[in-house]
C-alpha atoms as a PDB file:
ATOM      1  CA  MET A   1      17.696 -26.331  -0.874  1.00  0.00           C
ATOM      2  CA  SER A   2      14.335 -24.546  -0.898  1.00  0.00           C
ATOM      3  CA  ASN A   3      13.082 -23.020   2.324  1.00  0.00           C
ATOM      4  CA  PRO A   4       9.463 -22.072   3.037  1.00  0.00           C
ATOM      5  CA  ILE A   5       8.669 -18.369   2.909  1.00  0.00           C
ATOM      6  CA  ARG A   6       7.138 -17.488   6.256  1.00  0.00           C
ATOM      7  CA  ALA A   7       5.563 -14.330   7.634  1.00  0.00           C
ATOM      8  CA  ASN A   8       8.904 -12.836   8.685  1.00  0.00           C
ATOM      9  CA  SER A   9      11.044 -14.093   5.799  1.00  0.00           C
ATOM     10  CA  VAL A  10      13.184 -11.362   4.243  1.00  0.00           C
ATOM     11  CA  LEU A  11      14.320 -12.170   0.706  1.00  0.00           C
ATOM     12  CA  PRO A  12      17.341 -10.495  -0.910  1.00  0.00           C
ATOM     13  CA  ALA A  13      16.920  -6.917  -2.142  1.00  0.00           C
ATOM     14  CA  ARG A  14      18.741  -3.606  -2.057  1.00  0.00           C
ATOM     15  CA  ARG A  15      17.014  -1.678   0.719  1.00  0.00           C
ATOM     16  CA  THR A  16      17.709   1.989   1.317  1.00  0.00           C
ATOM     17  CA  ASP A  17      16.377   4.234   4.061  1.00  0.00           C
ATOM     18  CA  ILE A  18      14.981   7.338   2.387  1.00  0.00           C
ATOM     19  CA  GLU A  19      13.568  10.720   3.339  1.00  0.00           C
ATOM     20  CA  LEU A  20      10.809  12.513   1.480  1.00  0.00           C
ATOM     21  CA  GLU A  21      10.564  16.298   1.538  1.00  0.00           C
ATOM     22  CA  THR A  22       7.040  17.701   1.307  1.00  0.00           C
ATOM     23  CA  ALA A  23       6.024  20.981  -0.315  1.00  0.00           C
ATOM     24  CA  ASP A  24       4.939  22.299   3.086  1.00  0.00           C
ATOM     25  CA  GLY A  25       8.341  21.705   4.625  1.00  0.00           C
ATOM     26  CA  LEU A  26       8.137  18.325   6.380  1.00  0.00           C
ATOM     27  CA  THR A  27      10.547  15.405   6.264  1.00  0.00           C
ATOM     28  CA  LEU A  28       8.976  11.960   6.033  1.00  0.00           C
ATOM     29  CA  VAL A  29      10.863   8.718   6.682  1.00  0.00           C
ATOM     30  CA  GLY A  30      10.620   5.689   4.434  1.00  0.00           C
ATOM     31  CA  GLU A  31      12.369   2.875   2.602  1.00  0.00           C
ATOM     32  CA  LEU A  32      12.933   1.893  -1.000  1.00  0.00           C
ATOM     33  CA  ALA A  33      13.476  -1.792  -1.787  1.00  0.00           C
ATOM     34  CA  VAL A  34      14.599  -2.794  -5.293  1.00  0.00           C
ATOM     35  CA  PRO A  35      15.797  -6.072  -6.822  1.00  0.00           C
ATOM     36  CA  LEU A  36      19.432  -6.966  -6.268  1.00  0.00           C
ATOM     37  CA  ASP A  37      20.110  -8.512  -9.660  1.00  0.00           C
ATOM     38  CA  ARG A  38      18.079  -6.496 -12.195  1.00  0.00           C
ATOM     39  CA  PRO A  39      16.355  -3.190 -12.744  1.00  0.00           C
ATOM     40  CA  PRO A  40      12.775  -3.161 -11.436  1.00  0.00           C
ATOM     41  CA  SER A  41      10.067  -3.771 -14.025  1.00  0.00           C
ATOM     42  CA  ALA A  42       7.482  -1.696 -12.125  1.00  0.00           C
ATOM     43  CA  THR A  43       7.011   0.191  -8.873  1.00  0.00           C
ATOM     44  CA  VAL A  44       4.486   0.126  -6.054  1.00  0.00           C
ATOM     45  CA  VAL A  45       4.159   3.114  -3.734  1.00  0.00           C
ATOM     46  CA  CYS A  46       2.452   2.001  -0.517  1.00  0.00           C
ATOM     47  CA  LEU A  47       0.004   4.281   1.310  1.00  0.00           C
ATOM     48  CA  HIS A  48      -0.623   2.822   4.746  1.00  0.00           C
ATOM     49  CA  PRO A  49      -3.742   2.479   6.955  1.00  0.00           C
ATOM     50  CA  LEU A  50      -4.985   5.074   9.429  1.00  0.00           C
ATOM     51  CA  PRO A  51      -2.073   6.101  11.694  1.00  0.00           C
ATOM     52  CA  THR A  52      -4.368   7.049  14.585  1.00  0.00           C
ATOM     53  CA  HIS A  53      -5.402   3.380  14.627  1.00  0.00           C
ATOM     54  CA  GLY A  54      -1.973   1.780  14.259  1.00  0.00           C
ATOM     55  CA  GLY A  55      -1.373   2.117  10.521  1.00  0.00           C
ATOM     56  CA  MET A  56       2.216   2.717   9.357  1.00  0.00           C
ATOM     57  CA  MET A  57       4.687   1.785   6.646  1.00  0.00           C
ATOM     58  CA  ASP A  58       5.375  -1.486   8.508  1.00  0.00           C
ATOM     59  CA  SER A  59       1.736  -2.637   8.522  1.00  0.00           C
ATOM     60  CA  HIS A  60       2.031  -6.310   7.715  1.00  0.00           C
ATOM     61  CA  VAL A  61       0.950  -6.460   4.061  1.00  0.00           C
ATOM     62  CA  PHE A  62       3.322  -3.645   3.100  1.00  0.00           C
ATOM     63  CA  ARG A  63       6.149  -5.087   5.169  1.00  0.00           C
ATOM     64  CA  LYS A  64       5.739  -8.412   3.365  1.00  0.00           C
ATOM     65  CA  ALA A  65       5.566  -6.636   0.009  1.00  0.00           C
ATOM     66  CA  ALA A  66       8.907  -4.950   0.677  1.00  0.00           C
ATOM     67  CA  TRP A  67      10.442  -8.173   1.964  1.00  0.00           C
ATOM     68  CA  ARG A  68       9.291 -10.372  -0.928  1.00  0.00           C
ATOM     69  CA  LEU A  69       8.297  -8.585  -4.118  1.00  0.00           C
ATOM     70  CA  PRO A  70      11.715  -7.279  -5.227  1.00  0.00           C
ATOM     71  CA  ALA A  71      13.035 -10.851  -5.292  1.00  0.00           C
ATOM     72  CA  LEU A  72       9.894 -12.744  -6.333  1.00  0.00           C
ATOM     73  CA  ALA A  73       8.459 -10.292  -8.859  1.00  0.00           C
ATOM     74  CA  GLY A  74      11.212  -7.825  -9.766  1.00  0.00           C
ATOM     75  CA  LEU A  75       9.303  -4.877  -8.315  1.00  0.00           C
ATOM     76  CA  ALA A  76      10.469  -1.724  -6.568  1.00  0.00           C
ATOM     77  CA  VAL A  77       8.570  -1.154  -3.317  1.00  0.00           C
ATOM     78  CA  LEU A  78       8.481   2.329  -1.822  1.00  0.00           C
ATOM     79  CA  ARG A  79       6.846   2.690   1.567  1.00  0.00           C
ATOM     80  CA  PHE A  80       6.896   5.590   4.011  1.00  0.00           C
ATOM     81  CA  ASN A  81       5.243   7.034   7.101  1.00  0.00           C
ATOM     82  CA  THR A  82       2.800   9.839   6.435  1.00  0.00           C
ATOM     83  CA  ARG A  83       3.042  12.974   8.574  1.00  0.00           C
ATOM     84  CA  GLY A  84       3.161  12.301  12.299  1.00  0.00           C
ATOM     85  CA  THR A  85       3.317   8.522  11.829  1.00  0.00           C
ATOM     86  CA  SER A  86       5.834   6.322  13.657  1.00  0.00           C
ATOM     87  CA  SER A  87       7.279   2.882  12.981  1.00  0.00           C
ATOM     88  CA  VAL A  88      10.549   1.065  13.575  1.00  0.00           C
ATOM     89  CA  ARG A  89      12.000   3.154  10.729  1.00  0.00           C
ATOM     90  CA  GLY A  90      11.287   6.344  12.677  1.00  0.00           C
ATOM     91  CA  THR A  91       8.741   9.136  12.950  1.00  0.00           C
ATOM     92  CA  SER A  92       7.778  11.466  10.124  1.00  0.00           C
ATOM     93  CA  GLU A  93       7.530  15.148  10.954  1.00  0.00           C
ATOM     94  CA  GLY A  94       4.191  16.884  11.324  1.00  0.00           C
ATOM     95  CA  ALA A  95       0.868  15.639  12.625  1.00  0.00           C
ATOM     96  CA  PHE A  96      -2.030  13.592  11.277  1.00  0.00           C
ATOM     97  CA  ASP A  97      -4.262  15.901   9.225  1.00  0.00           C
ATOM     98  CA  ASN A  98      -7.397  13.913   8.386  1.00  0.00           C
ATOM     99  CA  ALA A  99      -6.357  13.322   4.744  1.00  0.00           C
ATOM    100  CA  VAL A 100      -5.913  17.047   4.065  1.00  0.00           C
ATOM    101  CA  GLY A 101      -2.225  17.869   4.564  1.00  0.00           C
ATOM    102  CA  GLU A 102      -1.428  14.294   3.548  1.00  0.00           C
ATOM    103  CA  ARG A 103      -1.861  15.408  -0.066  1.00  0.00           C
ATOM    104  CA  TYR A 104       1.681  16.776   0.214  1.00  0.00           C
ATOM    105  CA  ASP A 105       2.902  13.404   1.492  1.00  0.00           C
ATOM    106  CA  VAL A 106       1.457  11.554  -1.488  1.00  0.00           C
ATOM    107  CA  ALA A 107       2.929  14.120  -3.874  1.00  0.00           C
ATOM    108  CA  ALA A 108       6.357  13.811  -2.232  1.00  0.00           C
ATOM    109  CA  ALA A 109       6.362  10.028  -2.641  1.00  0.00           C
ATOM    110  CA  ILE A 110       5.397  10.238  -6.305  1.00  0.00           C
ATOM    111  CA  GLU A 111       8.016  12.930  -6.896  1.00  0.00           C
ATOM    112  CA  TYR A 112      10.685  10.767  -5.249  1.00  0.00           C
ATOM    113  CA  ALA A 113       9.786   7.797  -7.448  1.00  0.00           C
ATOM    114  CA  GLU A 114       9.987  10.001 -10.531  1.00  0.00           C
ATOM    115  CA  PHE A 115      13.322  11.494  -9.470  1.00  0.00           C
ATOM    116  CA  GLU A 116      14.745   7.992  -9.003  1.00  0.00           C
ATOM    117  CA  ASP A 117      13.510   7.036 -12.502  1.00  0.00           C
ATOM    118  CA  LEU A 118      11.467   4.192 -11.083  1.00  0.00           C
ATOM    119  CA  PRO A 119       9.337   2.604 -13.827  1.00  0.00           C
ATOM    120  CA  ASP A 120       5.574   2.108 -14.163  1.00  0.00           C
ATOM    121  CA  ILE A 121       4.480   3.623 -10.838  1.00  0.00           C
ATOM    122  CA  TRP A 122       1.346   2.215  -9.179  1.00  0.00           C
ATOM    123  CA  LEU A 123      -0.192   3.433  -5.953  1.00  0.00           C
ATOM    124  CA  VAL A 124      -1.242   0.710  -3.530  1.00  0.00           C
ATOM    125  CA  GLY A 125      -3.410   2.117  -0.762  1.00  0.00           C
ATOM    126  CA  TRP A 126      -4.752   0.214   2.210  1.00  0.00           C
ATOM    127  CA  SER A 127      -7.801   1.469   4.161  1.00  0.00           C
ATOM    128  CA  PHE A 128      -7.014   5.151   4.910  1.00  0.00           C
ATOM    129  CA  GLY A 129      -4.362   4.855   2.228  1.00  0.00           C
ATOM    130  CA  THR A 130      -7.086   4.149  -0.334  1.00  0.00           C
ATOM    131  CA  ASP A 131      -8.702   7.475   0.474  1.00  0.00           C
ATOM    132  CA  LEU A 132      -5.346   9.202   0.040  1.00  0.00           C
ATOM    133  CA  THR A 133      -4.986   7.436  -3.297  1.00  0.00           C
ATOM    134  CA  LEU A 134      -8.408   8.484  -4.540  1.00  0.00           C
ATOM    135  CA  MET A 135      -8.175  12.038  -3.194  1.00  0.00           C
ATOM    136  CA  HIS A 136      -4.576  12.933  -3.984  1.00  0.00           C
ATOM    137  CA  GLY A 137      -2.975  10.216  -6.084  1.00  0.00           C
ATOM    138  CA  LEU A 138      -4.160  10.969  -9.605  1.00  0.00           C
ATOM    139  CA  ASP A 139      -0.901  12.246 -11.038  1.00  0.00           C
ATOM    140  CA  PRO A 140       0.388  12.043 -14.633  1.00  0.00           C
ATOM    141  CA  ALA A 141       3.232   9.824 -13.404  1.00  0.00           C
ATOM    142  CA  ILE A 142       0.878   7.191 -11.970  1.00  0.00           C
ATOM    143  CA  SER A 143      -0.062   4.159 -14.071  1.00  0.00           C
ATOM    144  CA  GLY A 144      -2.935   3.027 -11.871  1.00  0.00           C
ATOM    145  CA  ALA A 145      -4.195   2.302  -8.389  1.00  0.00           C
ATOM    146  CA  ILE A 146      -4.803  -0.777  -6.275  1.00  0.00           C
ATOM    147  CA  LEU A 147      -7.087  -0.284  -3.286  1.00  0.00           C
ATOM    148  CA  LEU A 148      -7.000  -2.700  -0.332  1.00  0.00           C
ATOM    149  CA  SER A 149     -10.059  -2.619   1.944  1.00  0.00           C
ATOM    150  CA  PRO A 150     -11.345   0.748   0.695  1.00  0.00           C
ATOM    151  CA  PRO A 151     -13.714   2.282   3.281  1.00  0.00           C
ATOM    152  CA  LEU A 152     -14.540   5.334   1.110  1.00  0.00           C
ATOM    153  CA  ARG A 153     -14.715   7.448   4.281  1.00  0.00           C
ATOM    154  CA  PHE A 154     -12.666  10.551   3.482  1.00  0.00           C
ATOM    155  CA  SER A 155     -12.956  10.493  -0.306  1.00  0.00           C
ATOM    156  CA  GLU A 156     -15.929  12.074  -2.033  1.00  0.00           C
ATOM    157  CA  PRO A 157     -17.895  11.164  -5.197  1.00  0.00           C
ATOM    158  CA  SER A 158     -15.996  13.926  -6.997  1.00  0.00           C
ATOM    159  CA  HIS A 159     -12.741  12.056  -6.448  1.00  0.00           C
ATOM    160  CA  LEU A 160     -14.193   8.923  -8.028  1.00  0.00           C
ATOM    161  CA  GLU A 161     -15.421  11.000 -10.960  1.00  0.00           C
ATOM    162  CA  THR A 162     -11.933  12.362 -11.505  1.00  0.00           C
ATOM    163  CA  TRP A 163     -10.463   8.866 -11.632  1.00  0.00           C
ATOM    164  CA  ALA A 164     -13.258   7.819 -13.988  1.00  0.00           C
ATOM    165  CA  ALA A 165     -12.379  10.629 -16.368  1.00  0.00           C
ATOM    166  CA  SER A 166      -8.702   9.679 -16.294  1.00  0.00           C
ATOM    167  CA  GLY A 167      -9.352   6.190 -17.647  1.00  0.00           C
ATOM    168  CA  LYS A 168      -6.521   4.857 -15.507  1.00  0.00           C
ATOM    169  CA  PRO A 169      -7.001   1.371 -14.047  1.00  0.00           C
ATOM    170  CA  VAL A 170      -8.381   1.051 -10.534  1.00  0.00           C
ATOM    171  CA  VAL A 171      -8.521  -2.320  -8.785  1.00  0.00           C
ATOM    172  CA  ALA A 172     -10.330  -2.643  -5.445  1.00  0.00           C
ATOM    173  CA  LEU A 173      -9.669  -5.731  -3.319  1.00  0.00           C
ATOM    174  CA  VAL A 174     -12.607  -5.937  -0.929  1.00  0.00           C
ATOM    175  CA  PRO A 175     -12.722  -8.469   1.911  1.00  0.00           C
ATOM    176  CA  GLU A 176     -15.935 -10.463   2.188  1.00  0.00           C
ATOM    177  CA  LYS A 177     -16.069  -9.718   5.922  1.00  0.00           C
ATOM    178  CA  ASP A 178     -14.800  -6.155   5.832  1.00  0.00           C
ATOM    179  CA  ASP A 179     -15.881  -3.999   8.768  1.00  0.00           C
ATOM    180  CA  TYR A 180     -16.623  -0.939   6.648  1.00  0.00           C
ATOM    181  CA  LEU A 181     -17.347  -1.742   2.986  1.00  0.00           C
ATOM    182  CA  GLN A 182     -18.177  -5.230   1.750  1.00  0.00           C
ATOM    183  CA  PRO A 183     -18.183  -6.435  -1.877  1.00  0.00           C
ATOM    184  CA  PRO A 184     -21.876  -5.823  -2.786  1.00  0.00           C
ATOM    185  CA  GLU A 185     -21.822  -2.195  -1.642  1.00  0.00           C
ATOM    186  CA  ALA A 186     -18.320  -1.680  -3.035  1.00  0.00           C
ATOM    187  CA  THR A 187     -19.498  -2.889  -6.446  1.00  0.00           C
ATOM    188  CA  GLU A 188     -22.288  -0.321  -6.416  1.00  0.00           C
ATOM    189  CA  ARG A 189     -20.171   2.592  -5.243  1.00  0.00           C
ATOM    190  CA  PHE A 190     -17.322   1.899  -7.654  1.00  0.00           C
ATOM    191  CA  LYS A 191     -19.712   1.987 -10.592  1.00  0.00           C
ATOM    192  CA  ALA A 192     -18.782   5.657 -10.561  1.00  0.00           C
ATOM    193  CA  ILE A 193     -15.459   4.528 -12.097  1.00  0.00           C
ATOM    194  CA  PRO A 194     -16.427   2.466 -15.174  1.00  0.00           C
ATOM    195  CA  GLN A 195     -12.938   0.992 -15.557  1.00  0.00           C
ATOM    196  CA  ALA A 196     -12.731  -0.036 -11.881  1.00  0.00           C
ATOM    197  CA  GLU A 197     -12.463  -3.736 -11.107  1.00  0.00           C
ATOM    198  CA  VAL A 198     -13.898  -4.810  -7.756  1.00  0.00           C
ATOM    199  CA  ILE A 199     -12.608  -8.157  -6.485  1.00  0.00           C
ATOM    200  CA  GLY A 200     -14.334  -9.686  -3.499  1.00  0.00           C
ATOM    201  CA  VAL A 201     -12.044 -11.919  -1.458  1.00  0.00           C
ATOM    202  CA  PRO A 202     -13.944 -14.744   0.271  1.00  0.00           C
ATOM    203  CA  GLY A 203     -13.401 -15.050   4.005  1.00  0.00           C
ATOM    204  CA  ALA A 204     -11.028 -12.106   4.229  1.00  0.00           C
ATOM    205  CA  LYS A 205     -11.289  -9.271   6.770  1.00  0.00           C
ATOM    206  CA  HIS A 206     -10.276  -5.615   6.730  1.00  0.00           C
ATOM    207  CA  LEU A 207      -6.778  -6.264   8.065  1.00  0.00           C
ATOM    208  CA  TRP A 208      -5.984  -9.166   5.708  1.00  0.00           C
ATOM    209  CA  VAL A 209      -4.590 -11.265   8.546  1.00  0.00           C
ATOM    210  CA  GLY A 210      -3.926 -14.684   7.015  1.00  0.00           C
ATOM    211  CA  ASP A 211      -4.558 -13.355   3.498  1.00  0.00           C
ATOM    212  CA  ALA A 212      -1.424 -11.343   2.757  1.00  0.00           C
ATOM    213  CA  GLU A 213      -0.337 -13.825   0.090  1.00  0.00           C
ATOM    214  CA  THR A 214      -3.633 -13.355  -1.747  1.00  0.00           C
ATOM    215  CA  VAL A 215      -3.108  -9.587  -1.730  1.00  0.00           C
ATOM    216  CA  LEU A 216       0.481  -9.831  -2.973  1.00  0.00           C
ATOM    217  CA  ASP A 217      -0.583 -12.158  -5.794  1.00  0.00           C
ATOM    218  CA  GLU A 218      -3.291  -9.736  -6.914  1.00  0.00           C
ATOM    219  CA  ILE A 219      -0.872  -6.805  -6.818  1.00  0.00           C
ATOM    220  CA  VAL A 220       1.624  -8.682  -8.966  1.00  0.00           C
ATOM    221  CA  ARG A 221      -1.057  -9.783 -11.452  1.00  0.00           C
ATOM    222  CA  ARG A 222      -1.845  -6.135 -12.198  1.00  0.00           C
ATOM    223  CA  VAL A 223       1.537  -4.476 -11.830  1.00  0.00           C
ATOM    224  CA  ALA A 224       3.746  -7.213 -13.304  1.00  0.00           C
ATOM    225  CA  PRO A 225       1.468  -9.451 -15.407  1.00  0.00           C
ATOM    226  CA  GLN A 226       4.486 -11.198 -16.912  1.00  0.00           C
ATOM    227  CA  VAL A 227       5.272 -12.766 -13.510  1.00  0.00           C
ATOM    228  CA  PRO A 228       3.534 -16.114 -12.864  1.00  0.00           C
ATOM    229  CA  THR A 229       1.168 -16.219  -9.909  1.00  0.00           C
ATOM    230  CA  PRO A 230       0.564 -17.457  -7.311  1.00  0.00           C
ATOM    231  CA  LEU A 231       3.988 -16.396  -6.177  1.00  0.00           C
ATOM    232  CA  PRO A 232       6.318 -19.125  -4.901  1.00  0.00           C
ATOM    233  CA  ALA A 233       5.885 -20.295  -1.333  1.00  0.00           C
ATOM    234  CA  THR A 234       9.539 -21.322  -1.080  1.00  0.00           C
ATOM    235  CA  TRP A 235      12.862 -19.639  -1.803  1.00  0.00           C
ATOM    236  CA  ASP A 236      15.986 -21.369  -3.067  1.00  0.00           C
ATOM    237  CA  GLY A 237      18.662 -18.992  -1.856  1.00  0.00           C
ATOM    238  CA  PRO A 238      19.769 -16.781   1.022  1.00  0.00           C
ATOM    239  CA  MET A 239      16.987 -15.603   3.287  1.00  0.00           C
ATOM    240  CA  GLU A 240      16.935 -13.627   6.515  1.00  0.00           C
ATOM    241  CA  GLN A 241      14.314 -13.383   9.229  1.00  0.00           C
ATOM    242  CA  GLY A 242      12.756 -10.107  10.297  1.00  0.00           C
ATOM    243  CA  ASP A 243      12.396  -9.337  13.980  1.00  0.00           C
ATOM    244  CA  ALA A 244       8.746 -10.067  14.764  1.00  0.00           C
ATOM    245  CA  LYS A 245       9.146  -8.575  18.248  1.00  0.00           C
ATOM    246  CA  ALA A 246       9.825  -5.196  16.680  1.00  0.00           C
ATOM    247  CA  TYR A 247       6.258  -5.104  15.386  1.00  0.00           C
ATOM    248  CA  ALA A 248       4.404  -6.857  18.188  1.00  0.00           C
ATOM    249  CA  ASP A 249       2.987  -3.652  19.665  1.00  0.00           C
ATOM    250  CA  ARG A 250       2.906  -1.652  16.419  1.00  0.00           C
ATOM    251  CA  THR A 251       0.448  -3.528  14.256  1.00  0.00           C
ATOM    252  CA  VAL A 252      -2.965  -2.564  12.906  1.00  0.00           C
ATOM    253  CA  ALA A 253      -4.225  -5.886  14.251  1.00  0.00           C
ATOM    254  CA  SER A 254      -4.144  -4.281  17.688  1.00  0.00           C
ATOM    255  CA  PHE A 255      -6.895  -1.959  16.520  1.00  0.00           C
ATOM    256  CA  ALA A 256      -9.168  -4.453  14.799  1.00  0.00           C
ATOM    257  CA  ASP A 257     -12.167  -3.558  16.938  1.00  0.00           C
ATOM    258  CA  VAL A 258     -11.711   0.213  16.853  1.00  0.00           C
ATOM    259  CA  PRO A 259     -14.036   1.905  14.346  1.00  0.00           C
ATOM    260  CA  VAL A 260     -12.572   4.151  11.681  1.00  0.00           C
ATOM    261  CA  PRO A 261     -13.746   7.718  12.321  1.00  0.00           C
ATOM    262  CA  ARG A 262     -15.717   9.599   9.726  1.00  0.00           C
ATOM    263  CA  PRO A 263     -14.242  12.812   8.281  1.00  0.00           C
ATOM    264  CA  LEU A 264     -14.338  15.850  10.504  1.00  0.00           C
ATOM    265  CA  ALA A 265     -17.022  18.388   9.678  1.00  0.00           C
ATOM    266  CA  GLU A 266     -15.764  21.401   7.788  1.00  0.00           C
END
């Protein structure tokens, strides 16, 4: 009997609590979710929204990715809290560093994925996480990048130029009603990366509330093109329910009206 996949549906996967060790001596908490019945065909490493405004590894799109994509698309999903960030999983050591010290966090996640022999590693950044991707994510081990609601606040033109020179694929999913960067301006600014694909999503907002399925479909289309999309809306098998109460006061939606700060002056 098929059951509908709802916001808090948790599909079968092998989920392991992990710790990442950074080059500057911090321990970051995270989770790796992989398919139960097969090796993963590809890997997404999730870089979460701004932690000073509620972003964390459990921000809803990444939580749903970890709960669904191993079973529905055969993907490995690695998510973690950057320095000083808390979630139900725990609190990573250190303190928020305005996208500077976070370069070690990104490197630690990529290194972990390599050490675990995870295949075809893609970075998926959301908001602040897109700046981390552009600034610190261009590593030989990375296949490409998917950017969700990129504000282009901390990253500089030089970072876009570096990605352009790499030739690696960059996909930007830009909400029509984004608070910070909407599709027309995003199209202009991402011209700096000739291979970048900018996808405007009609009706969507910065936090993707109500549009998580659209995001997951677009991720799978790029990372696992052999998997049919849209992904199924039902599941014929065992399914658990996540505890929605655990996230009620720890969601980026709580900060929808708080502006993202610009980088600190040097």
